[in-house]
Amino acid sequence: MSDKREHWETIFETKSEKEVSWFQEKPETSLQLIKACKLSLDAKIIDIGGGDSFLIDNLIDLGYTNLYLLDISENAINKVKARLGDKAKLVNFLVTDVLDYQIENEFDIWHDRASFHFLLEDSEVEKYKNNVVRALKDKSNLIIGAFSDEGPLKCSGLPITQYTVEKMEAVFENDFQLENCFTEEHETPFESVQDFIFCHYKKS
């Protein structure tokens, strides 16, 4: 097991969903950005590094039927499966590092809230971007959230890369058209505040 996978397996084994900073019972920003794409309920949506977040639960409740959840941690995936119960059969679960993900499908939406910013090396960022390009159909949607330059420097004990719109554009502008970008404060379960940047791109 890689050090990275071991780290996240331990996090999801030892902490409850409200003991992690990213907890949101209803991830309104992500849901609004997905709904703003105005796609049919059978649109193919993948949530990258979703961990045990409640995004998938909420998408199921909204009627979306073609959902994928990718995370490096099997413990995280198992938590979601247990929580969903019979509804788990409505989701395709992928236990892998996003950098190792062998693209087998083309998606209408690639969603990533707070996974991308853990990539520290230029080579990792490039590999991630190339995976997004391969995974998305033309005119499809990339929704990505990361800590802004006003946000934390670490998350769950790991260093992260802060982003501005210019820094995000430097990664994605050659292959994607920026539709919308904004910053937002996320209040953690510990009553602290984290500053995020969210960007919505269309594949060129």
N, C-alpha and C. Protein backbone atom coordinates (compact mmCIF):
# COMPACT_ATOMS: atom_id res chain seq x y z
N MET A 1 0.85 -1.19 0.00
CA MET A 1 0.00 0.00 0.00
C MET A 1 0.88 1.25 0.00
N SER A 2 0.58 2.21 -0.87
CA SER A 2 1.36 3.43 -0.93
C SER A 2 1.15 4.26 0.33
N ASP A 3 2.12 5.14 0.62
CA ASP A 3 1.99 6.02 1.79
C ASP A 3 0.73 6.88 1.69
N LYS A 4 0.44 7.34 0.47
CA LYS A 4 -0.73 8.20 0.27
C LYS A 4 -2.02 7.43 0.57
N ARG A 5 -2.12 6.22 0.04
CA ARG A 5 -3.32 5.42 0.30
C ARG A 5 -3.44 5.08 1.79
N GLU A 6 -2.33 4.71 2.40
CA GLU A 6 -2.35 4.37 3.82
C GLU A 6 -2.82 5.55 4.66
N HIS A 7 -2.36 6.76 4.29
CA HIS A 7 -2.77 7.97 5.01
C HIS A 7 -4.29 8.11 4.98
N TRP A 8 -4.88 7.98 3.78
CA TRP A 8 -6.32 8.21 3.67
C TRP A 8 -7.13 7.05 4.24
N GLU A 9 -6.62 5.84 4.14
CA GLU A 9 -7.32 4.72 4.78
C GLU A 9 -7.40 4.95 6.29
N THR A 10 -6.32 5.47 6.88
CA THR A 10 -6.32 5.75 8.32
C THR A 10 -7.29 6.86 8.67
N ILE A 11 -7.32 7.92 7.85
CA ILE A 11 -8.25 9.03 8.10
C ILE A 11 -9.68 8.51 8.15
N PHE A 12 -10.06 7.73 7.13
CA PHE A 12 -11.45 7.31 7.05
C PHE A 12 -11.79 6.17 8.01
N GLU A 13 -10.77 5.49 8.51
CA GLU A 13 -10.99 4.45 9.51
C GLU A 13 -11.17 5.03 10.90
N THR A 14 -10.49 6.13 11.17
CA THR A 14 -10.42 6.64 12.55
C THR A 14 -11.30 7.86 12.81
N LYS A 15 -11.79 8.52 11.76
CA LYS A 15 -12.57 9.74 11.96
C LYS A 15 -14.00 9.56 11.45
N SER A 16 -14.95 10.09 12.19
CA SER A 16 -16.33 10.10 11.73
C SER A 16 -16.51 11.22 10.71
N GLU A 17 -17.64 11.20 10.02
CA GLU A 17 -17.84 12.18 8.94
C GLU A 17 -17.84 13.62 9.45
N LYS A 18 -18.22 13.84 10.72
CA LYS A 18 -18.23 15.20 11.25
C LYS A 18 -16.92 15.57 11.94
N GLU A 19 -15.94 14.68 11.87
CA GLU A 19 -14.62 14.97 12.43
C GLU A 19 -13.62 15.33 11.34
N VAL A 20 -14.10 15.60 10.14
CA VAL A 20 -13.23 16.03 9.04
C VAL A 20 -13.68 17.40 8.56
N SER A 21 -12.74 18.20 8.11
CA SER A 21 -13.02 19.60 7.83
C SER A 21 -13.96 19.79 6.64
N TRP A 22 -14.02 18.82 5.72
CA TRP A 22 -14.78 19.02 4.50
C TRP A 22 -16.26 18.64 4.64
N PHE A 23 -16.69 18.23 5.82
CA PHE A 23 -18.06 17.76 5.99
C PHE A 23 -19.08 18.82 5.56
N GLN A 24 -20.03 18.39 4.73
CA GLN A 24 -21.20 19.19 4.36
C GLN A 24 -22.38 18.23 4.20
N GLU A 25 -23.40 18.40 5.00
CA GLU A 25 -24.57 17.52 4.85
C GLU A 25 -25.24 17.73 3.50
N LYS A 26 -25.22 18.98 3.04
CA LYS A 26 -25.75 19.28 1.71
C LYS A 26 -24.74 20.20 1.01
N PRO A 27 -23.94 19.67 0.10
CA PRO A 27 -22.91 20.48 -0.58
C PRO A 27 -23.54 21.39 -1.64
N GLU A 28 -24.11 22.49 -1.17
CA GLU A 28 -24.93 23.36 -2.03
C GLU A 28 -24.17 23.89 -3.24
N THR A 29 -22.93 24.30 -3.04
CA THR A 29 -22.18 24.90 -4.15
C THR A 29 -21.99 23.89 -5.27
N SER A 30 -21.55 22.71 -4.93
CA SER A 30 -21.36 21.66 -5.95
C SER A 30 -22.68 21.32 -6.62
N LEU A 31 -23.73 21.20 -5.85
CA LEU A 31 -25.04 20.86 -6.42
C LEU A 31 -25.53 21.94 -7.37
N GLN A 32 -25.36 23.20 -6.99
CA GLN A 32 -25.79 24.30 -7.86
C GLN A 32 -24.98 24.33 -9.16
N LEU A 33 -23.68 24.08 -9.06
CA LEU A 33 -22.85 24.08 -10.26
C LEU A 33 -23.22 22.92 -11.19
N ILE A 34 -23.53 21.77 -10.61
CA ILE A 34 -23.95 20.62 -11.42
C ILE A 34 -25.30 20.90 -12.07
N LYS A 35 -26.24 21.42 -11.31
CA LYS A 35 -27.57 21.72 -11.88
C LYS A 35 -27.48 22.80 -12.95
N ALA A 36 -26.53 23.74 -12.80
CA ALA A 36 -26.38 24.82 -13.78
C ALA A 36 -25.91 24.30 -15.15
N CYS A 37 -25.38 23.09 -15.19
CA CYS A 37 -24.98 22.50 -16.47
C CYS A 37 -26.19 22.13 -17.32
N LYS A 38 -27.36 22.03 -16.69
CA LYS A 38 -28.64 21.79 -17.38
C LYS A 38 -28.59 20.52 -18.23
N LEU A 39 -28.13 19.45 -17.61
CA LEU A 39 -28.05 18.17 -18.29
C LEU A 39 -29.21 17.26 -17.86
N SER A 40 -29.47 16.24 -18.64
CA SER A 40 -30.52 15.30 -18.30
C SER A 40 -30.10 14.48 -17.08
N LEU A 41 -31.08 13.85 -16.44
CA LEU A 41 -30.80 13.10 -15.22
C LEU A 41 -29.99 11.84 -15.48
N ASP A 42 -29.85 11.43 -16.75
CA ASP A 42 -28.99 10.28 -17.06
C ASP A 42 -27.59 10.71 -17.50
N ALA A 43 -27.25 11.98 -17.30
CA ALA A 43 -25.89 12.45 -17.59
C ALA A 43 -24.89 11.67 -16.75
N LYS A 44 -23.75 11.36 -17.35
CA LYS A 44 -22.73 10.57 -16.67
C LYS A 44 -21.85 11.51 -15.85
N ILE A 45 -21.87 11.36 -14.52
CA ILE A 45 -21.18 12.26 -13.59
C ILE A 45 -20.20 11.46 -12.76
N ILE A 46 -18.96 11.93 -12.67
CA ILE A 46 -17.96 11.31 -11.80
C ILE A 46 -17.51 12.31 -10.74
N ASP A 47 -17.51 11.86 -9.49
CA ASP A 47 -17.02 12.66 -8.37
C ASP A 47 -15.64 12.14 -7.99
N ILE A 48 -14.64 12.99 -8.11
CA ILE A 48 -13.23 12.60 -7.91
C ILE A 48 -12.82 12.89 -6.47
N GLY A 49 -12.28 11.87 -5.81
CA GLY A 49 -11.82 12.07 -4.44
C GLY A 49 -12.92 12.47 -3.50
N GLY A 50 -14.12 11.96 -3.76
CA GLY A 50 -15.28 12.37 -2.97
C GLY A 50 -15.27 11.86 -1.55
N GLY A 51 -14.42 10.87 -1.27
CA GLY A 51 -14.37 10.34 0.09
C GLY A 51 -15.74 9.89 0.54
N ASP A 52 -16.11 10.28 1.77
CA ASP A 52 -17.43 9.91 2.28
C ASP A 52 -18.37 11.11 2.26
N SER A 53 -18.16 12.03 1.31
CA SER A 53 -19.00 13.22 1.23
C SER A 53 -20.43 12.83 0.85
N PHE A 54 -21.35 13.78 1.05
CA PHE A 54 -22.76 13.53 0.80
C PHE A 54 -23.20 13.98 -0.59
N LEU A 55 -22.27 14.28 -1.48
CA LEU A 55 -22.67 14.73 -2.82
C LEU A 55 -23.45 13.64 -3.54
N ILE A 56 -22.94 12.42 -3.52
CA ILE A 56 -23.60 11.33 -4.23
C ILE A 56 -25.01 11.11 -3.70
N ASP A 57 -25.17 11.14 -2.37
CA ASP A 57 -26.50 10.98 -1.77
C ASP A 57 -27.48 12.01 -2.32
N ASN A 58 -27.01 13.26 -2.38
CA ASN A 58 -27.87 14.34 -2.84
C ASN A 58 -28.18 14.23 -4.32
N LEU A 59 -27.21 13.78 -5.11
CA LEU A 59 -27.46 13.60 -6.55
C LEU A 59 -28.48 12.49 -6.79
N ILE A 60 -28.39 11.43 -6.01
CA ILE A 60 -29.41 10.36 -6.10
C ILE A 60 -30.78 10.92 -5.76
N ASP A 61 -30.87 11.72 -4.70
CA ASP A 61 -32.14 12.30 -4.29
C ASP A 61 -32.72 13.22 -5.36
N LEU A 62 -31.84 13.85 -6.15
CA LEU A 62 -32.30 14.72 -7.23
C LEU A 62 -32.71 13.93 -8.47
N GLY A 63 -32.43 12.63 -8.47
CA GLY A 63 -32.87 11.79 -9.58
C GLY A 63 -31.81 11.42 -10.59
N TYR A 64 -30.55 11.81 -10.36
CA TYR A 64 -29.48 11.44 -11.29
C TYR A 64 -29.23 9.93 -11.21
N THR A 65 -29.00 9.32 -12.36
CA THR A 65 -28.99 7.86 -12.43
C THR A 65 -27.69 7.26 -12.95
N ASN A 66 -26.71 8.09 -13.31
CA ASN A 66 -25.50 7.56 -13.96
C ASN A 66 -24.28 8.12 -13.22
N LEU A 67 -24.09 7.64 -11.99
CA LEU A 67 -23.13 8.26 -11.07
C LEU A 67 -21.93 7.36 -10.82
N TYR A 68 -20.76 8.01 -10.71
CA TYR A 68 -19.51 7.33 -10.40
C TYR A 68 -18.85 8.06 -9.24
N LEU A 69 -18.28 7.30 -8.31
CA LEU A 69 -17.53 7.87 -7.19
C LEU A 69 -16.15 7.23 -7.17
N LEU A 70 -15.11 8.05 -7.31
CA LEU A 70 -13.72 7.58 -7.30
C LEU A 70 -13.03 8.10 -6.06
N ASP A 71 -12.38 7.19 -5.33
CA ASP A 71 -11.57 7.62 -4.20
C ASP A 71 -10.45 6.61 -3.98
N ILE A 72 -9.34 7.10 -3.47
CA ILE A 72 -8.18 6.25 -3.21
C ILE A 72 -8.43 5.33 -2.01
N SER A 73 -9.38 5.69 -1.15
CA SER A 73 -9.60 4.97 0.10
C SER A 73 -10.79 4.01 0.00
N GLU A 74 -10.52 2.73 0.20
CA GLU A 74 -11.60 1.75 0.24
C GLU A 74 -12.47 1.96 1.48
N ASN A 75 -11.87 2.41 2.58
CA ASN A 75 -12.65 2.70 3.78
C ASN A 75 -13.68 3.80 3.51
N ALA A 76 -13.29 4.82 2.75
CA ALA A 76 -14.22 5.90 2.42
C ALA A 76 -15.38 5.37 1.57
N ILE A 77 -15.03 4.57 0.56
CA ILE A 77 -16.06 4.01 -0.32
C ILE A 77 -17.02 3.13 0.48
N ASN A 78 -16.48 2.32 1.39
CA ASN A 78 -17.33 1.44 2.18
C ASN A 78 -18.27 2.22 3.09
N LYS A 79 -17.80 3.38 3.59
CA LYS A 79 -18.68 4.22 4.40
C LYS A 79 -19.87 4.71 3.58
N VAL A 80 -19.59 5.13 2.34
CA VAL A 80 -20.68 5.62 1.48
C VAL A 80 -21.64 4.48 1.17
N LYS A 81 -21.11 3.32 0.84
CA LYS A 81 -21.97 2.16 0.53
C LYS A 81 -22.88 1.82 1.70
N ALA A 82 -22.31 1.82 2.91
CA ALA A 82 -23.10 1.50 4.10
C ALA A 82 -24.19 2.54 4.33
N ARG A 83 -23.84 3.79 4.12
CA ARG A 83 -24.81 4.87 4.34
C ARG A 83 -25.95 4.81 3.33
N LEU A 84 -25.62 4.49 2.08
CA LEU A 84 -26.62 4.46 1.02
C LEU A 84 -27.53 3.24 1.10
N GLY A 85 -27.02 2.16 1.68
CA GLY A 85 -27.83 0.95 1.74
C GLY A 85 -28.17 0.44 0.36
N ASP A 86 -29.46 0.18 0.10
CA ASP A 86 -29.88 -0.34 -1.20
C ASP A 86 -29.59 0.62 -2.34
N LYS A 87 -29.50 1.91 -2.04
CA LYS A 87 -29.22 2.90 -3.09
C LYS A 87 -27.80 2.78 -3.63
N ALA A 88 -26.92 2.07 -2.91
CA ALA A 88 -25.53 1.93 -3.37
C ALA A 88 -25.46 1.29 -4.74
N LYS A 89 -26.47 0.49 -5.09
CA LYS A 89 -26.45 -0.16 -6.41
C LYS A 89 -26.64 0.84 -7.55
N LEU A 90 -27.01 2.07 -7.21
CA LEU A 90 -27.19 3.11 -8.22
C LEU A 90 -25.87 3.82 -8.57
N VAL A 91 -24.79 3.46 -7.87
CA VAL A 91 -23.51 4.16 -8.03
C VAL A 91 -22.43 3.17 -8.48
N ASN A 92 -21.57 3.62 -9.39
CA ASN A 92 -20.39 2.87 -9.79
C ASN A 92 -19.21 3.34 -8.93
N PHE A 93 -18.66 2.46 -8.12
CA PHE A 93 -17.59 2.82 -7.18
C PHE A 93 -16.23 2.41 -7.74
N LEU A 94 -15.27 3.32 -7.67
CA LEU A 94 -13.93 3.10 -8.20
C LEU A 94 -12.92 3.39 -7.09
N VAL A 95 -12.20 2.36 -6.63
CA VAL A 95 -11.18 2.55 -5.60
C VAL A 95 -9.83 2.62 -6.29
N THR A 96 -9.32 3.84 -6.46
CA THR A 96 -8.04 4.04 -7.14
C THR A 96 -7.56 5.47 -6.91
N ASP A 97 -6.28 5.69 -7.09
CA ASP A 97 -5.71 7.04 -7.15
C ASP A 97 -6.12 7.63 -8.49
N VAL A 98 -6.61 8.87 -8.49
CA VAL A 98 -7.04 9.49 -9.75
C VAL A 98 -5.91 9.51 -10.78
N LEU A 99 -4.66 9.58 -10.33
CA LEU A 99 -3.54 9.60 -11.27
C LEU A 99 -3.33 8.23 -11.92
N ASP A 100 -3.83 7.18 -11.31
CA ASP A 100 -3.71 5.82 -11.86
C ASP A 100 -4.98 5.38 -12.57
N TYR A 101 -5.99 6.23 -12.59
CA TYR A 101 -7.28 5.86 -13.15
C TYR A 101 -7.17 5.59 -14.64
N GLN A 102 -7.52 4.38 -15.04
CA GLN A 102 -7.54 4.01 -16.45
C GLN A 102 -8.90 4.39 -17.03
N ILE A 103 -8.92 5.42 -17.84
CA ILE A 103 -10.17 5.98 -18.35
C ILE A 103 -10.87 4.96 -19.24
N GLU A 104 -12.07 4.56 -18.84
CA GLU A 104 -12.85 3.60 -19.63
C GLU A 104 -14.18 4.19 -20.09
N ASN A 105 -14.51 5.37 -19.61
CA ASN A 105 -15.79 6.00 -19.95
C ASN A 105 -15.57 7.47 -20.31
N GLU A 106 -16.51 8.02 -21.04
CA GLU A 106 -16.53 9.46 -21.26
C GLU A 106 -17.67 10.05 -20.44
N PHE A 107 -17.34 11.11 -19.71
CA PHE A 107 -18.30 11.68 -18.78
C PHE A 107 -18.84 13.03 -19.28
N ASP A 108 -20.01 13.38 -18.74
CA ASP A 108 -20.60 14.70 -19.00
C ASP A 108 -20.15 15.72 -17.97
N ILE A 109 -19.85 15.25 -16.75
CA ILE A 109 -19.36 16.13 -15.68
C ILE A 109 -18.26 15.41 -14.91
N TRP A 110 -17.14 16.10 -14.76
CA TRP A 110 -16.06 15.67 -13.86
C TRP A 110 -16.07 16.66 -12.70
N HIS A 111 -16.40 16.18 -11.50
CA HIS A 111 -16.50 17.05 -10.32
C HIS A 111 -15.38 16.70 -9.34
N ASP A 112 -14.74 17.71 -8.82
CA ASP A 112 -13.65 17.51 -7.86
C ASP A 112 -13.67 18.67 -6.88
N ARG A 113 -14.08 18.38 -5.65
CA ARG A 113 -14.00 19.39 -4.59
C ARG A 113 -12.93 18.95 -3.60
N ALA A 114 -11.77 19.61 -3.67
CA ALA A 114 -10.72 19.46 -2.66
C ALA A 114 -9.92 18.17 -2.78
N SER A 115 -9.80 17.64 -3.98
CA SER A 115 -8.86 16.54 -4.23
C SER A 115 -7.66 17.05 -5.04
N PHE A 116 -7.97 17.84 -6.07
CA PHE A 116 -6.94 18.36 -6.98
C PHE A 116 -5.84 19.11 -6.24
N HIS A 117 -6.19 19.83 -5.18
CA HIS A 117 -5.17 20.68 -4.53
C HIS A 117 -4.13 19.87 -3.75
N PHE A 118 -4.31 18.56 -3.62
CA PHE A 118 -3.28 17.74 -2.97
C PHE A 118 -2.12 17.40 -3.92
N LEU A 119 -2.27 17.71 -5.19
CA LEU A 119 -1.19 17.44 -6.15
C LEU A 119 -0.16 18.57 -6.06
N LEU A 120 1.07 18.20 -5.76
CA LEU A 120 2.11 19.20 -5.50
C LEU A 120 3.10 19.34 -6.64
N GLU A 121 3.32 18.29 -7.40
CA GLU A 121 4.32 18.30 -8.46
C GLU A 121 3.68 18.66 -9.80
N ASP A 122 4.43 19.40 -10.64
CA ASP A 122 3.92 19.77 -11.96
C ASP A 122 3.55 18.52 -12.77
N SER A 123 4.34 17.47 -12.62
CA SER A 123 4.07 16.24 -13.38
C SER A 123 2.75 15.61 -12.95
N GLU A 124 2.40 15.71 -11.67
CA GLU A 124 1.12 15.17 -11.19
C GLU A 124 -0.04 15.99 -11.73
N VAL A 125 0.11 17.31 -11.71
CA VAL A 125 -0.93 18.19 -12.21
C VAL A 125 -1.17 17.93 -13.70
N GLU A 126 -0.09 17.76 -14.46
CA GLU A 126 -0.21 17.49 -15.89
C GLU A 126 -0.90 16.16 -16.14
N LYS A 127 -0.55 15.15 -15.37
CA LYS A 127 -1.18 13.83 -15.52
C LYS A 127 -2.67 13.91 -15.19
N TYR A 128 -2.99 14.64 -14.14
CA TYR A 128 -4.40 14.84 -13.77
C TYR A 128 -5.14 15.51 -14.91
N LYS A 129 -4.59 16.61 -15.42
CA LYS A 129 -5.25 17.35 -16.51
C LYS A 129 -5.46 16.46 -17.72
N ASN A 130 -4.46 15.65 -18.06
CA ASN A 130 -4.59 14.76 -19.21
C ASN A 130 -5.70 13.73 -18.99
N ASN A 131 -5.83 13.25 -17.76
CA ASN A 131 -6.92 12.32 -17.45
C ASN A 131 -8.29 12.99 -17.62
N VAL A 132 -8.40 14.24 -17.20
CA VAL A 132 -9.65 14.97 -17.37
C VAL A 132 -9.98 15.11 -18.86
N VAL A 133 -8.98 15.48 -19.64
CA VAL A 133 -9.19 15.65 -21.08
C VAL A 133 -9.69 14.35 -21.70
N ARG A 134 -9.06 13.24 -21.34
CA ARG A 134 -9.47 11.94 -21.90
C ARG A 134 -10.85 11.52 -21.42
N ALA A 135 -11.21 11.91 -20.21
CA ALA A 135 -12.46 11.42 -19.62
C ALA A 135 -13.69 12.20 -20.03
N LEU A 136 -13.52 13.41 -20.54
CA LEU A 136 -14.67 14.26 -20.84
C LEU A 136 -14.96 14.31 -22.34
N LYS A 137 -16.24 14.22 -22.67
CA LYS A 137 -16.68 14.43 -24.04
C LYS A 137 -16.48 15.90 -24.41
N ASP A 138 -16.47 16.21 -25.71
CA ASP A 138 -16.44 17.60 -26.13
C ASP A 138 -17.66 18.33 -25.58
N LYS A 139 -17.44 19.57 -25.15
CA LYS A 139 -18.48 20.44 -24.57
C LYS A 139 -18.94 19.98 -23.19
N SER A 140 -18.28 18.98 -22.64
CA SER A 140 -18.65 18.53 -21.30
C SER A 140 -18.02 19.43 -20.23
N ASN A 141 -18.32 19.12 -18.97
CA ASN A 141 -18.10 20.06 -17.88
C ASN A 141 -17.07 19.56 -16.87
N LEU A 142 -16.16 20.47 -16.52
CA LEU A 142 -15.21 20.26 -15.43
C LEU A 142 -15.58 21.23 -14.31
N ILE A 143 -15.91 20.69 -13.15
CA ILE A 143 -16.21 21.50 -11.96
C ILE A 143 -15.15 21.16 -10.92
N ILE A 144 -14.37 22.17 -10.54
CA ILE A 144 -13.23 21.90 -9.67
C ILE A 144 -13.14 22.94 -8.56
N GLY A 145 -12.97 22.45 -7.34
CA GLY A 145 -12.83 23.33 -6.18
C GLY A 145 -11.53 23.03 -5.47
N ALA A 146 -10.85 24.07 -5.03
CA ALA A 146 -9.56 23.92 -4.34
C ALA A 146 -9.41 25.06 -3.34
N PHE A 147 -8.46 24.91 -2.42
CA PHE A 147 -8.18 26.02 -1.52
C PHE A 147 -7.64 27.20 -2.31
N SER A 148 -8.15 28.38 -2.00
CA SER A 148 -7.68 29.60 -2.66
C SER A 148 -6.38 30.08 -2.03
N ASP A 149 -5.86 31.18 -2.54
CA ASP A 149 -4.63 31.74 -1.97
C ASP A 149 -4.88 32.38 -0.61
N GLU A 150 -6.15 32.42 -0.17
CA GLU A 150 -6.50 32.86 1.18
C GLU A 150 -6.85 31.68 2.08
N GLY A 151 -6.74 30.48 1.54
CA GLY A 151 -7.14 29.29 2.27
C GLY A 151 -5.99 28.66 3.03
N PRO A 152 -6.22 27.50 3.63
CA PRO A 152 -5.19 26.81 4.41
C PRO A 152 -4.03 26.35 3.53
N LEU A 153 -2.92 26.04 4.17
CA LEU A 153 -1.75 25.50 3.49
C LEU A 153 -1.67 23.99 3.64
N LYS A 154 -2.51 23.43 4.54
CA LYS A 154 -2.54 21.99 4.74
C LYS A 154 -3.99 21.54 4.92
N CYS A 155 -4.20 20.25 4.65
CA CYS A 155 -5.49 19.63 4.92
C CYS A 155 -5.24 18.19 5.36
N SER A 156 -5.84 17.78 6.45
CA SER A 156 -5.66 16.43 6.99
C SER A 156 -4.18 16.08 7.17
N GLY A 157 -3.40 17.08 7.55
CA GLY A 157 -1.98 16.86 7.81
C GLY A 157 -1.10 16.85 6.59
N LEU A 158 -1.68 17.06 5.41
CA LEU A 158 -0.90 17.04 4.17
C LEU A 158 -0.81 18.44 3.57
N PRO A 159 0.33 18.78 2.96
CA PRO A 159 0.44 20.07 2.27
C PRO A 159 -0.44 20.09 1.03
N ILE A 160 -0.89 21.26 0.66
CA ILE A 160 -1.73 21.41 -0.54
C ILE A 160 -1.15 22.53 -1.41
N THR A 161 -1.71 22.66 -2.60
CA THR A 161 -1.38 23.76 -3.50
C THR A 161 -2.55 24.74 -3.52
N GLN A 162 -2.29 25.99 -3.18
CA GLN A 162 -3.34 27.01 -3.25
C GLN A 162 -3.54 27.46 -4.70
N TYR A 163 -4.77 27.90 -5.01
CA TYR A 163 -5.06 28.30 -6.38
C TYR A 163 -5.73 29.67 -6.44
N THR A 164 -5.39 30.39 -7.49
CA THR A 164 -6.10 31.58 -7.94
C THR A 164 -6.70 31.23 -9.30
N VAL A 165 -7.55 32.12 -9.82
CA VAL A 165 -8.10 31.85 -11.16
C VAL A 165 -6.98 31.80 -12.19
N GLU A 166 -5.97 32.65 -12.02
CA GLU A 166 -4.85 32.65 -12.98
C GLU A 166 -4.08 31.34 -12.93
N LYS A 167 -3.88 30.83 -11.74
CA LYS A 167 -3.15 29.57 -11.59
C LYS A 167 -3.98 28.39 -12.12
N MET A 168 -5.28 28.45 -11.91
CA MET A 168 -6.16 27.41 -12.46
C MET A 168 -6.16 27.47 -13.99
N GLU A 169 -6.21 28.67 -14.52
CA GLU A 169 -6.19 28.85 -15.97
C GLU A 169 -4.90 28.34 -16.59
N ALA A 170 -3.80 28.52 -15.89
CA ALA A 170 -2.51 28.05 -16.41
C ALA A 170 -2.52 26.54 -16.62
N VAL A 171 -3.34 25.84 -15.85
CA VAL A 171 -3.44 24.38 -16.00
C VAL A 171 -4.41 24.00 -17.10
N PHE A 172 -5.57 24.66 -17.15
CA PHE A 172 -6.68 24.14 -17.95
C PHE A 172 -7.03 24.94 -19.21
N GLU A 173 -6.51 26.16 -19.38
CA GLU A 173 -7.04 27.02 -20.42
C GLU A 173 -6.79 26.51 -21.84
N ASN A 174 -5.78 25.69 -22.06
CA ASN A 174 -5.51 25.20 -23.42
C ASN A 174 -6.55 24.18 -23.89
N ASP A 175 -7.22 23.55 -22.96
CA ASP A 175 -8.17 22.50 -23.32
C ASP A 175 -9.61 22.80 -22.91
N PHE A 176 -9.79 23.86 -22.10
CA PHE A 176 -11.11 24.15 -21.55
C PHE A 176 -11.39 25.65 -21.60
N GLN A 177 -12.68 25.97 -21.72
CA GLN A 177 -13.15 27.35 -21.69
C GLN A 177 -13.75 27.64 -20.31
N LEU A 178 -13.24 28.67 -19.65
CA LEU A 178 -13.73 29.01 -18.32
C LEU A 178 -15.13 29.62 -18.43
N GLU A 179 -16.09 29.04 -17.72
CA GLU A 179 -17.47 29.53 -17.72
C GLU A 179 -17.75 30.40 -16.50
N ASN A 180 -17.16 30.02 -15.36
CA ASN A 180 -17.50 30.69 -14.11
C ASN A 180 -16.41 30.39 -13.09
N CYS A 181 -16.06 31.36 -12.26
CA CYS A 181 -15.07 31.13 -11.22
C CYS A 181 -15.34 32.10 -10.07
N PHE A 182 -15.28 31.60 -8.85
CA PHE A 182 -15.56 32.45 -7.70
C PHE A 182 -14.92 31.85 -6.46
N THR A 183 -14.77 32.66 -5.43
CA THR A 183 -14.27 32.16 -4.14
C THR A 183 -15.44 32.07 -3.18
N GLU A 184 -15.26 31.21 -2.18
CA GLU A 184 -16.34 30.97 -1.22
C GLU A 184 -15.74 30.52 0.09
N GLU A 185 -16.33 30.94 1.19
CA GLU A 185 -15.90 30.50 2.50
C GLU A 185 -16.67 29.27 2.93
N HIS A 186 -15.95 28.24 3.33
CA HIS A 186 -16.55 27.01 3.85
C HIS A 186 -16.37 26.95 5.35
N GLU A 187 -17.47 26.85 6.07
CA GLU A 187 -17.39 26.73 7.53
C GLU A 187 -17.29 25.25 7.90
N THR A 188 -16.22 24.89 8.57
CA THR A 188 -15.98 23.50 8.95
C THR A 188 -16.82 23.12 10.17
N PRO A 189 -16.91 21.82 10.48
CA PRO A 189 -17.62 21.41 11.69
C PRO A 189 -16.98 21.95 12.96
N PHE A 190 -15.74 22.44 12.86
CA PHE A 190 -15.02 22.96 14.03
C PHE A 190 -15.18 24.47 14.17
N GLU A 191 -16.08 25.05 13.34
CA GLU A 191 -16.38 26.48 13.35
C GLU A 191 -15.20 27.34 12.91
N SER A 192 -14.30 26.74 12.14
CA SER A 192 -13.27 27.52 11.46
C SER A 192 -13.74 27.73 10.02
N VAL A 193 -13.04 28.60 9.30
CA VAL A 193 -13.44 28.94 7.93
C VAL A 193 -12.29 28.65 6.98
N GLN A 194 -12.61 28.01 5.86
CA GLN A 194 -11.63 27.73 4.81
C GLN A 194 -12.07 28.44 3.54
N ASP A 195 -11.14 29.12 2.87
CA ASP A 195 -11.47 29.85 1.65
C ASP A 195 -11.19 28.97 0.44
N PHE A 196 -12.21 28.75 -0.38
CA PHE A 196 -12.13 27.93 -1.58
C PHE A 196 -12.24 28.78 -2.84
N ILE A 197 -11.72 28.25 -3.93
CA ILE A 197 -12.01 28.76 -5.26
C ILE A 197 -12.70 27.64 -6.03
N PHE A 198 -13.81 27.97 -6.69
CA PHE A 198 -14.53 27.02 -7.54
C PHE A 198 -14.51 27.52 -8.97
N CYS A 199 -14.21 26.62 -9.90
CA CYS A 199 -14.23 26.96 -11.32
C CYS A 199 -15.05 25.94 -12.09
N HIS A 200 -15.81 26.45 -13.04
CA HIS A 200 -16.59 25.61 -13.95
C HIS A 200 -16.04 25.84 -15.37
N TYR A 201 -15.59 24.76 -15.97
CA TYR A 201 -15.03 24.81 -17.32
C TYR A 201 -15.87 23.97 -18.28
N LYS A 202 -15.84 24.35 -19.56
CA LYS A 202 -16.37 23.52 -20.64
C LYS A 202 -15.18 23.04 -21.47
N LYS A 203 -15.22 21.76 -21.84
CA LYS A 203 -14.15 21.23 -22.68
C LYS A 203 -14.27 21.86 -24.07
N SER A 204 -13.16 22.35 -24.56
CA SER A 204 -13.14 23.04 -25.87
C SER A 204 -13.44 22.06 -27.00
